[in-house]
Amino acid sequence: MSRNLFLGTFLSSLVVLAALISFVWTPYDYSALSIPEKLQPPNVEHWFGTDHFGRDMFSMIMVGARTSIAVALVAVGIGMALGVPLGLTAAARKGSWLDEVIMRGNDLVFAFPSLVIAILITAVFGAGAINAIIAIGIFNIPVFARITRGAALSLWEREFILAARVSGKGAARISVEHILPNVANLLIVQGTIQFSLGILAEAGLSYVGLGAQPPTPSWGRMLADAQTMVSFAPHLALIPGVAIIVTVLGLNLLGDGLRDWLDPRIRVARA
């Protein structure tokens, strides 16, 4: 196991473990207010201190991990579920009107960042985690469509695909039985990268008030709440910021490690 894969797995596992534990246990009730204990620095009772309402920061970070992972995971799932079939279809119909429509549609979505899409969605339906998932998911669709199409196009010229076509298999069956398994490794690696970007996107949307709404904790909103109190309570911004950095770093290292592990050319070069 490479160093990147080991470190990425370790950091990502810590965040996932904290999120899973938060379903059954947190040191304190993350929504319980205690004004007399507000703005305490990290101490024995409150490991990460308390916020301006006296809520335990460690408990909020744990539940915030659950929120960020859920939003990013579902959003990436939406992107893969819709983007991969579109990419396979475009590659199978290369040069046709269907290929052109799919790729120009991808260009249209790319023209609007996830934050702009979120603003448009929330302007109609209101702010919330569900709308953040939809916004991030929509932005992920063309990412997976382009990557799938690019990888599939090179495979359609290979001899084993020609043999499958000669045997009478149609384009859809070839895409599912032969193309998809050969691009799965690339999609797994890209999925981890998009997962980390989804964490960042969720934090950004929550920071501007378009993500998960109170009382559900969110790392991005914790940063937004802390921006006016950094001078006398720096832990309010430092702790959620470090949580975001550790999570994104872990997922990026995991993606790099998986790429090295799954790519036989890299394994052979290092052997």
C-alpha atoms as a PDB file:
ATOM      1  CA  MET A   1       0.000   0.000   0.000  1.00  0.00           C
ATOM      2  CA  SER A   2       1.386   3.415  -0.978  1.00  0.00           C
ATOM      3  CA  ARG A   3       1.870   6.193   1.546  1.00  0.00           C
ATOM      4  CA  ASN A   4      -0.836   8.332  -0.077  1.00  0.00           C
ATOM      5  CA  LEU A   5      -3.347   5.492   0.006  1.00  0.00           C
ATOM      6  CA  PHE A   6      -2.568   4.658   3.628  1.00  0.00           C
ATOM      7  CA  LEU A   7      -2.722   8.266   4.844  1.00  0.00           C
ATOM      8  CA  GLY A   8      -5.800   9.057   2.771  1.00  0.00           C
ATOM      9  CA  THR A   9      -7.600   5.971   4.050  1.00  0.00           C
ATOM     10  CA  PHE A  10      -6.652   6.825   7.634  1.00  0.00           C
ATOM     11  CA  LEU A  11      -7.831  10.455   7.501  1.00  0.00           C
ATOM     12  CA  SER A  12     -11.012   9.628   5.585  1.00  0.00           C
ATOM     13  CA  SER A  13     -11.795   6.791   8.005  1.00  0.00           C
ATOM     14  CA  LEU A  14     -11.485   9.141  10.979  1.00  0.00           C
ATOM     15  CA  VAL A  15     -14.053  11.521   9.502  1.00  0.00           C
ATOM     16  CA  VAL A  16     -16.429   8.729   8.485  1.00  0.00           C
ATOM     17  CA  LEU A  17     -16.079   7.098  11.911  1.00  0.00           C
ATOM     18  CA  ALA A  18     -16.910  10.397  13.650  1.00  0.00           C
ATOM     19  CA  ALA A  19     -19.976  10.787  11.439  1.00  0.00           C
ATOM     20  CA  LEU A  20     -21.170   7.232  12.142  1.00  0.00           C
ATOM     21  CA  ILE A  21     -20.628   7.532  15.898  1.00  0.00           C
ATOM     22  CA  SER A  22     -22.633  10.776  15.929  1.00  0.00           C
ATOM     23  CA  PHE A  23     -25.761   8.790  15.053  1.00  0.00           C
ATOM     24  CA  VAL A  24     -25.648   7.038  18.437  1.00  0.00           C
ATOM     25  CA  TRP A  25     -23.456   9.217  20.657  1.00  0.00           C
ATOM     26  CA  THR A  26     -22.049  12.721  21.034  1.00  0.00           C
ATOM     27  CA  PRO A  27     -20.407  14.144  24.188  1.00  0.00           C
ATOM     28  CA  TYR A  28     -23.243  16.663  24.517  1.00  0.00           C
ATOM     29  CA  ASP A  29     -26.506  17.427  22.785  1.00  0.00           C
ATOM     30  CA  TYR A  30     -25.325  19.431  19.781  1.00  0.00           C
ATOM     31  CA  SER A  31     -28.461  21.607  19.877  1.00  0.00           C
ATOM     32  CA  ALA A  32     -28.454  22.276  23.645  1.00  0.00           C
ATOM     33  CA  LEU A  33     -27.883  25.955  24.491  1.00  0.00           C
ATOM     34  CA  SER A  34     -25.935  26.973  27.582  1.00  0.00           C
ATOM     35  CA  ILE A  35     -25.330  30.726  27.609  1.00  0.00           C
ATOM     36  CA  PRO A  36     -23.288  30.693  30.859  1.00  0.00           C
ATOM     37  CA  GLU A  37     -20.766  28.393  29.134  1.00  0.00           C
ATOM     38  CA  LYS A  38     -20.527  30.302  25.853  1.00  0.00           C
ATOM     39  CA  LEU A  39     -17.218  30.965  24.053  1.00  0.00           C
ATOM     40  CA  GLN A  40     -15.162  28.657  26.242  1.00  0.00           C
ATOM     41  CA  PRO A  41     -11.773  27.709  24.759  1.00  0.00           C
ATOM     42  CA  PRO A  42     -10.891  24.007  24.431  1.00  0.00           C
ATOM     43  CA  ASN A  43     -10.773  22.416  27.885  1.00  0.00           C
ATOM     44  CA  VAL A  44     -11.231  19.110  29.689  1.00  0.00           C
ATOM     45  CA  GLU A  45     -15.037  19.233  29.633  1.00  0.00           C
ATOM     46  CA  HIS A  46     -15.410  20.650  26.119  1.00  0.00           C
ATOM     47  CA  TRP A  47     -12.511  19.309  24.056  1.00  0.00           C
ATOM     48  CA  PHE A  48     -13.046  21.788  21.202  1.00  0.00           C
ATOM     49  CA  GLY A  49     -14.587  24.533  23.352  1.00  0.00           C
ATOM     50  CA  THR A  50     -18.062  26.028  23.002  1.00  0.00           C
ATOM     51  CA  ASP A  51     -19.641  28.466  20.553  1.00  0.00           C
ATOM     52  CA  HIS A  52     -21.470  31.761  21.167  1.00  0.00           C
ATOM     53  CA  PHE A  53     -24.573  29.857  22.284  1.00  0.00           C
ATOM     54  CA  GLY A  54     -22.680  27.539  24.627  1.00  0.00           C
ATOM     55  CA  ARG A  55     -23.029  24.518  22.334  1.00  0.00           C
ATOM     56  CA  ASP A  56     -20.292  21.903  22.450  1.00  0.00           C
ATOM     57  CA  MET A  57     -18.052  22.319  19.392  1.00  0.00           C
ATOM     58  CA  PHE A  58     -16.848  18.708  19.375  1.00  0.00           C
ATOM     59  CA  SER A  59     -20.424  17.439  19.170  1.00  0.00           C
ATOM     60  CA  MET A  60     -21.213  19.926  16.407  1.00  0.00           C
ATOM     61  CA  ILE A  61     -18.129  18.869  14.425  1.00  0.00           C
ATOM     62  CA  MET A  62     -19.201  15.218  14.652  1.00  0.00           C
ATOM     63  CA  VAL A  63     -22.730  15.932  13.438  1.00  0.00           C
ATOM     64  CA  GLY A  64     -21.370  18.385  10.867  1.00  0.00           C
ATOM     65  CA  ALA A  65     -19.259  15.561   9.425  1.00  0.00           C
ATOM     66  CA  ARG A  66     -22.443  13.555   9.006  1.00  0.00           C
ATOM     67  CA  THR A  67     -24.091  16.449   7.169  1.00  0.00           C
ATOM     68  CA  SER A  68     -21.144  17.102   4.845  1.00  0.00           C
ATOM     69  CA  ILE A  69     -20.634  13.428   3.986  1.00  0.00           C
ATOM     70  CA  ALA A  70     -24.335  12.851   3.330  1.00  0.00           C
ATOM     71  CA  VAL A  71     -24.660  15.855   1.029  1.00  0.00           C
ATOM     72  CA  ALA A  72     -21.453  15.111  -0.892  1.00  0.00           C
ATOM     73  CA  LEU A  73     -22.138  11.364  -1.154  1.00  0.00           C
ATOM     74  CA  VAL A  74     -25.657  11.758  -2.527  1.00  0.00           C
ATOM     75  CA  ALA A  75     -24.545  14.537  -4.878  1.00  0.00           C
ATOM     76  CA  VAL A  76     -21.712  12.404  -6.287  1.00  0.00           C
ATOM     77  CA  GLY A  77     -24.130   9.494  -6.582  1.00  0.00           C
ATOM     78  CA  ILE A  78     -26.470  11.656  -8.652  1.00  0.00           C
ATOM     79  CA  GLY A  79     -23.574  12.750 -10.846  1.00  0.00           C
ATOM     80  CA  MET A  80     -22.424   9.184 -11.466  1.00  0.00           C
ATOM     81  CA  ALA A  81     -25.915   7.742 -11.934  1.00  0.00           C
ATOM     82  CA  LEU A  82     -26.744  10.241 -14.670  1.00  0.00           C
ATOM     83  CA  GLY A  83     -23.335  11.246 -16.012  1.00  0.00           C
ATOM     84  CA  VAL A  84     -21.913   7.769 -16.654  1.00  0.00           C
ATOM     85  CA  PRO A  85     -24.828   6.568 -18.863  1.00  0.00           C
ATOM     86  CA  LEU A  86     -24.727   9.863 -20.755  1.00  0.00           C
ATOM     87  CA  GLY A  87     -20.980   9.490 -21.345  1.00  0.00           C
ATOM     88  CA  LEU A  88     -21.353   5.877 -22.489  1.00  0.00           C
ATOM     89  CA  THR A  89     -24.171   6.856 -24.841  1.00  0.00           C
ATOM     90  CA  ALA A  90     -22.220   9.776 -26.296  1.00  0.00           C
ATOM     91  CA  ALA A  91     -19.182   7.572 -26.915  1.00  0.00           C
ATOM     92  CA  ALA A  92     -21.268   4.850 -28.538  1.00  0.00           C
ATOM     93  CA  ARG A  93     -22.930   7.441 -30.807  1.00  0.00           C
ATOM     94  CA  LYS A  94     -19.797   9.432 -31.546  1.00  0.00           C
ATOM     95  CA  GLY A  95     -20.385  12.094 -34.192  1.00  0.00           C
ATOM     96  CA  SER A  96     -24.165  11.714 -34.156  1.00  0.00           C
ATOM     97  CA  TRP A  97     -26.711  14.353 -33.209  1.00  0.00           C
ATOM     98  CA  LEU A  98     -27.207  12.599 -29.867  1.00  0.00           C
ATOM     99  CA  ASP A  99     -23.502  12.907 -29.043  1.00  0.00           C
ATOM    100  CA  GLU A 100     -23.636  16.591 -29.972  1.00  0.00           C
ATOM    101  CA  VAL A 101     -26.714  17.252 -27.821  1.00  0.00           C
ATOM    102  CA  ILE A 102     -25.200  15.516 -24.790  1.00  0.00           C
ATOM    103  CA  MET A 103     -21.871  17.317 -25.009  1.00  0.00           C
ATOM    104  CA  ARG A 104     -23.390  20.742 -25.668  1.00  0.00           C
ATOM    105  CA  GLY A 105     -25.694  20.168 -22.709  1.00  0.00           C
ATOM    106  CA  ASN A 106     -22.610  19.431 -20.606  1.00  0.00           C
ATOM    107  CA  ASP A 107     -21.048  22.681 -21.778  1.00  0.00           C
ATOM    108  CA  LEU A 108     -24.197  24.540 -20.757  1.00  0.00           C
ATOM    109  CA  VAL A 109     -24.105  23.116 -17.223  1.00  0.00           C
ATOM    110  CA  PHE A 110     -20.364  23.839 -16.932  1.00  0.00           C
ATOM    111  CA  ALA A 111     -21.119  27.487 -17.677  1.00  0.00           C
ATOM    112  CA  PHE A 112     -22.890  27.758 -14.320  1.00  0.00           C
ATOM    113  CA  PRO A 113     -20.847  26.895 -11.178  1.00  0.00           C
ATOM    114  CA  SER A 114     -22.568  24.923  -8.422  1.00  0.00           C
ATOM    115  CA  LEU A 115     -22.972  28.085  -6.322  1.00  0.00           C
ATOM    116  CA  VAL A 116     -24.856  29.844  -9.127  1.00  0.00           C
ATOM    117  CA  ILE A 117     -27.019  26.766  -9.684  1.00  0.00           C
ATOM    118  CA  ALA A 118     -27.715  26.639  -5.938  1.00  0.00           C
ATOM    119  CA  ILE A 119     -28.750  30.289  -5.914  1.00  0.00           C
ATOM    120  CA  LEU A 120     -31.141  29.661  -8.788  1.00  0.00           C
ATOM    121  CA  ILE A 121     -32.615  26.594  -7.084  1.00  0.00           C
ATOM    122  CA  THR A 122     -32.962  28.211  -3.659  1.00  0.00           C
ATOM    123  CA  ALA A 123     -34.513  31.313  -5.203  1.00  0.00           C
ATOM    124  CA  VAL A 124     -37.370  29.073  -6.336  1.00  0.00           C
ATOM    125  CA  PHE A 125     -37.544  26.357  -3.670  1.00  0.00           C
ATOM    126  CA  GLY A 126     -35.756  27.896  -0.668  1.00  0.00           C
ATOM    127  CA  ALA A 127     -32.462  27.091   1.077  1.00  0.00           C
ATOM    128  CA  GLY A 128     -31.766  23.632   2.498  1.00  0.00           C
ATOM    129  CA  ALA A 129     -29.606  20.541   2.346  1.00  0.00           C
ATOM    130  CA  ILE A 130     -31.798  18.899  -0.309  1.00  0.00           C
ATOM    131  CA  ASN A 131     -31.381  21.834  -2.665  1.00  0.00           C
ATOM    132  CA  ALA A 132     -27.628  21.860  -2.001  1.00  0.00           C
ATOM    133  CA  ILE A 133     -27.522  18.176  -2.973  1.00  0.00           C
ATOM    134  CA  ILE A 134     -29.416  18.903  -6.189  1.00  0.00           C
ATOM    135  CA  ALA A 135     -27.111  21.814  -7.077  1.00  0.00           C
ATOM    136  CA  ILE A 136     -23.891  19.879  -6.462  1.00  0.00           C
ATOM    137  CA  GLY A 137     -25.320  16.783  -8.135  1.00  0.00           C
ATOM    138  CA  ILE A 138     -26.254  18.706 -11.286  1.00  0.00           C
ATOM    139  CA  PHE A 139     -22.723  20.095 -11.501  1.00  0.00           C
ATOM    140  CA  ASN A 140     -21.261  16.570 -11.160  1.00  0.00           C
ATOM    141  CA  ILE A 141     -23.242  15.147 -14.086  1.00  0.00           C
ATOM    142  CA  PRO A 142     -21.150  16.710 -16.901  1.00  0.00           C
ATOM    143  CA  VAL A 143     -17.926  15.879 -15.032  1.00  0.00           C
ATOM    144  CA  PHE A 144     -18.648  12.151 -15.085  1.00  0.00           C
ATOM    145  CA  ALA A 145     -20.165  12.341 -18.570  1.00  0.00           C
ATOM    146  CA  ARG A 146     -17.019  13.885 -20.051  1.00  0.00           C
ATOM    147  CA  ILE A 147     -14.630  11.533 -18.270  1.00  0.00           C
ATOM    148  CA  THR A 148     -16.673   8.472 -19.235  1.00  0.00           C
ATOM    149  CA  ARG A 149     -16.961   9.561 -22.858  1.00  0.00           C
ATOM    150  CA  GLY A 150     -13.251  10.334 -23.155  1.00  0.00           C
ATOM    151  CA  ALA A 151     -12.207   6.989 -21.708  1.00  0.00           C
ATOM    152  CA  ALA A 152     -14.816   5.048 -23.671  1.00  0.00           C
ATOM    153  CA  LEU A 153     -13.859   6.586 -27.020  1.00  0.00           C
ATOM    154  CA  SER A 154     -10.366   5.098 -26.825  1.00  0.00           C
ATOM    155  CA  LEU A 155     -11.819   1.687 -26.012  1.00  0.00           C
ATOM    156  CA  TRP A 156     -14.200   1.630 -28.972  1.00  0.00           C
ATOM    157  CA  GLU A 157     -11.167   1.386 -31.262  1.00  0.00           C
ATOM    158  CA  ARG A 158      -9.737  -1.681 -29.488  1.00  0.00           C
ATOM    159  CA  GLU A 159      -9.721  -5.173 -30.979  1.00  0.00           C
ATOM    160  CA  PHE A 160     -11.845  -6.792 -28.267  1.00  0.00           C
ATOM    161  CA  ILE A 161     -14.635  -4.291 -28.941  1.00  0.00           C
ATOM    162  CA  LEU A 162     -14.431  -5.051 -32.659  1.00  0.00           C
ATOM    163  CA  ALA A 163     -14.723  -8.746 -31.832  1.00  0.00           C
ATOM    164  CA  ALA A 164     -17.804  -8.049 -29.706  1.00  0.00           C
ATOM    165  CA  ARG A 165     -19.403  -6.110 -32.557  1.00  0.00           C
ATOM    166  CA  VAL A 166     -18.642  -8.897 -35.032  1.00  0.00           C
ATOM    167  CA  SER A 167     -20.302 -11.385 -32.664  1.00  0.00           C
ATOM    168  CA  GLY A 168     -23.536  -9.412 -33.014  1.00  0.00           C
ATOM    169  CA  LYS A 169     -23.621  -7.428 -29.781  1.00  0.00           C
ATOM    170  CA  GLY A 170     -25.299  -4.035 -29.938  1.00  0.00           C
ATOM    171  CA  ALA A 171     -23.824  -0.735 -28.783  1.00  0.00           C
ATOM    172  CA  ALA A 172     -25.765  -0.702 -25.503  1.00  0.00           C
ATOM    173  CA  ARG A 173     -24.702  -4.225 -24.570  1.00  0.00           C
ATOM    174  CA  ILE A 174     -21.075  -3.551 -25.466  1.00  0.00           C
ATOM    175  CA  SER A 175     -21.131  -0.369 -23.361  1.00  0.00           C
ATOM    176  CA  VAL A 176     -22.407  -2.235 -20.313  1.00  0.00           C
ATOM    177  CA  GLU A 177     -20.482  -5.494 -20.650  1.00  0.00           C
ATOM    178  CA  HIS A 178     -17.145  -4.300 -22.039  1.00  0.00           C
ATOM    179  CA  ILE A 179     -16.735  -0.512 -21.834  1.00  0.00           C
ATOM    180  CA  LEU A 180     -18.053   0.153 -18.324  1.00  0.00           C
ATOM    181  CA  PRO A 181     -15.868  -2.462 -16.535  1.00  0.00           C
ATOM    182  CA  ASN A 182     -12.782  -1.031 -18.238  1.00  0.00           C
ATOM    183  CA  VAL A 183     -13.505   2.560 -17.165  1.00  0.00           C
ATOM    184  CA  ALA A 184     -14.674   1.662 -13.648  1.00  0.00           C
ATOM    185  CA  ASN A 185     -11.239   2.252 -12.107  1.00  0.00           C
ATOM    186  CA  LEU A 186     -11.099   5.744 -13.552  1.00  0.00           C
ATOM    187  CA  LEU A 187     -14.615   6.487 -12.305  1.00  0.00           C
ATOM    188  CA  ILE A 188     -13.761   5.289  -8.787  1.00  0.00           C
ATOM    189  CA  VAL A 189     -10.774   7.624  -8.609  1.00  0.00           C
ATOM    190  CA  GLN A 190     -12.764  10.536 -10.026  1.00  0.00           C
ATOM    191  CA  GLY A 191     -15.548   9.766  -7.567  1.00  0.00           C
ATOM    192  CA  THR A 192     -13.211  10.304  -4.597  1.00  0.00           C
ATOM    193  CA  ILE A 193     -12.028  13.589  -6.101  1.00  0.00           C
ATOM    194  CA  GLN A 194     -15.586  14.786  -6.704  1.00  0.00           C
ATOM    195  CA  PHE A 195     -16.455  13.671  -3.172  1.00  0.00           C
ATOM    196  CA  SER A 196     -13.808  16.007  -1.749  1.00  0.00           C
ATOM    197  CA  LEU A 197     -15.020  18.811  -4.015  1.00  0.00           C
ATOM    198  CA  GLY A 198     -18.552  18.079  -2.828  1.00  0.00           C
ATOM    199  CA  ILE A 199     -17.426  18.578   0.775  1.00  0.00           C
ATOM    200  CA  LEU A 200     -15.964  21.951  -0.204  1.00  0.00           C
ATOM    201  CA  ALA A 201     -19.069  22.887  -2.181  1.00  0.00           C
ATOM    202  CA  GLU A 202     -21.361  21.988   0.726  1.00  0.00           C
ATOM    203  CA  ALA A 203     -19.243  24.070   3.087  1.00  0.00           C
ATOM    204  CA  GLY A 204     -19.311  26.991   0.648  1.00  0.00           C
ATOM    205  CA  LEU A 205     -23.069  26.805   0.188  1.00  0.00           C
ATOM    206  CA  SER A 206     -23.627  26.594   3.944  1.00  0.00           C
ATOM    207  CA  TYR A 207     -21.256  29.532   4.451  1.00  0.00           C
ATOM    208  CA  VAL A 208     -23.526  31.764   2.364  1.00  0.00           C
ATOM    209  CA  GLY A 209     -26.669  30.322   3.955  1.00  0.00           C
ATOM    210  CA  LEU A 210     -27.769  28.033   1.105  1.00  0.00           C
ATOM    211  CA  GLY A 211     -26.867  24.680   2.672  1.00  0.00           C
ATOM    212  CA  ALA A 212     -28.170  22.817   5.713  1.00  0.00           C
ATOM    213  CA  GLN A 213     -30.304  25.054   7.891  1.00  0.00           C
ATOM    214  CA  PRO A 214     -30.330  25.431  11.710  1.00  0.00           C
ATOM    215  CA  PRO A 215     -30.398  23.587  14.019  1.00  0.00           C
ATOM    216  CA  THR A 216     -28.490  21.044  11.867  1.00  0.00           C
ATOM    217  CA  PRO A 217     -24.758  21.777  12.275  1.00  0.00           C
ATOM    218  CA  SER A 218     -22.702  22.446   9.161  1.00  0.00           C
ATOM    219  CA  TRP A 219     -18.988  23.189   8.962  1.00  0.00           C
ATOM    220  CA  GLY A 220     -19.551  25.994   6.464  1.00  0.00           C
ATOM    221  CA  ARG A 221     -22.149  27.748   8.599  1.00  0.00           C
ATOM    222  CA  MET A 222     -19.938  27.331  11.670  1.00  0.00           C
ATOM    223  CA  LEU A 223     -17.261  29.268   9.775  1.00  0.00           C
ATOM    224  CA  ALA A 224     -19.796  31.930   8.812  1.00  0.00           C
ATOM    225  CA  ASP A 225     -20.948  32.314  12.427  1.00  0.00           C
ATOM    226  CA  ALA A 226     -17.336  32.591  13.611  1.00  0.00           C
ATOM    227  CA  GLN A 227     -16.169  35.314  11.240  1.00  0.00           C
ATOM    228  CA  THR A 228     -17.128  38.169  13.569  1.00  0.00           C
ATOM    229  CA  MET A 229     -15.578  36.503  16.644  1.00  0.00           C
ATOM    230  CA  VAL A 230     -12.188  35.378  15.338  1.00  0.00           C
ATOM    231  CA  SER A 231     -10.287  38.028  17.325  1.00  0.00           C
ATOM    232  CA  PHE A 232     -11.463  36.805  20.753  1.00  0.00           C
ATOM    233  CA  ALA A 233     -12.566  33.202  19.999  1.00  0.00           C
ATOM    234  CA  PRO A 234     -10.307  31.895  17.200  1.00  0.00           C
ATOM    235  CA  HIS A 235     -11.236  28.271  17.929  1.00  0.00           C
ATOM    236  CA  LEU A 236     -14.688  28.881  16.432  1.00  0.00           C
ATOM    237  CA  ALA A 237     -13.139  29.294  12.980  1.00  0.00           C
ATOM    238  CA  LEU A 238     -10.022  27.175  13.429  1.00  0.00           C
ATOM    239  CA  ILE A 239     -11.749  23.916  14.366  1.00  0.00           C
ATOM    240  CA  PRO A 240     -14.291  23.661  11.492  1.00  0.00           C
ATOM    241  CA  GLY A 241     -11.623  24.946   9.113  1.00  0.00           C
ATOM    242  CA  VAL A 242      -9.232  22.187  10.148  1.00  0.00           C
ATOM    243  CA  ALA A 243     -12.061  19.643   9.846  1.00  0.00           C
ATOM    244  CA  ILE A 244     -12.671  20.696   6.236  1.00  0.00           C
ATOM    245  CA  ILE A 245      -8.937  20.657   5.434  1.00  0.00           C
ATOM    246  CA  VAL A 246      -8.403  17.207   6.956  1.00  0.00           C
ATOM    247  CA  THR A 247     -11.405  15.744   5.140  1.00  0.00           C
ATOM    248  CA  VAL A 248     -10.525  17.188   1.735  1.00  0.00           C
ATOM    249  CA  LEU A 249      -6.853  16.301   2.143  1.00  0.00           C
ATOM    250  CA  GLY A 250      -7.720  12.734   3.138  1.00  0.00           C
ATOM    251  CA  LEU A 251     -10.035  12.242   0.173  1.00  0.00           C
ATOM    252  CA  ASN A 252      -7.526  13.715  -2.277  1.00  0.00           C
ATOM    253  CA  LEU A 253      -4.761  11.480  -0.949  1.00  0.00           C
ATOM    254  CA  LEU A 254      -7.148   8.538  -1.137  1.00  0.00           C
ATOM    255  CA  GLY A 255      -7.908   9.388  -4.758  1.00  0.00           C
ATOM    256  CA  ASP A 256      -4.208   9.627  -5.619  1.00  0.00           C
ATOM    257  CA  GLY A 257      -3.499   6.368  -3.830  1.00  0.00           C
ATOM    258  CA  LEU A 258      -6.344   4.562  -5.588  1.00  0.00           C
ATOM    259  CA  ARG A 259      -5.152   5.883  -8.948  1.00  0.00           C
ATOM    260  CA  ASP A 260      -1.663   4.523  -8.329  1.00  0.00           C
ATOM    261  CA  TRP A 261      -3.006   1.219  -7.033  1.00  0.00           C
ATOM    262  CA  LEU A 262      -5.583   0.645  -9.771  1.00  0.00           C
ATOM    263  CA  ASP A 263      -3.437   1.756 -12.717  1.00  0.00           C
ATOM    264  CA  PRO A 264      -1.294  -1.228 -13.810  1.00  0.00           C
ATOM    265  CA  ARG A 265       1.097   1.028 -15.734  1.00  0.00           C
ATOM    266  CA  ILE A 266       2.060   2.898 -12.565  1.00  0.00           C
ATOM    267  CA  ARG A 267       2.423  -0.362 -10.613  1.00  0.00           C
ATOM    268  CA  VAL A 268       4.730  -1.766 -13.278  1.00  0.00           C
ATOM    269  CA  ALA A 269       6.803   1.436 -13.381  1.00  0.00           C
ATOM    270  CA  ARG A 270       7.302   1.314  -9.618  1.00  0.00           C
ATOM    271  CA  ALA A 271       8.045  -2.419  -9.513  1.00  0.00           C
END
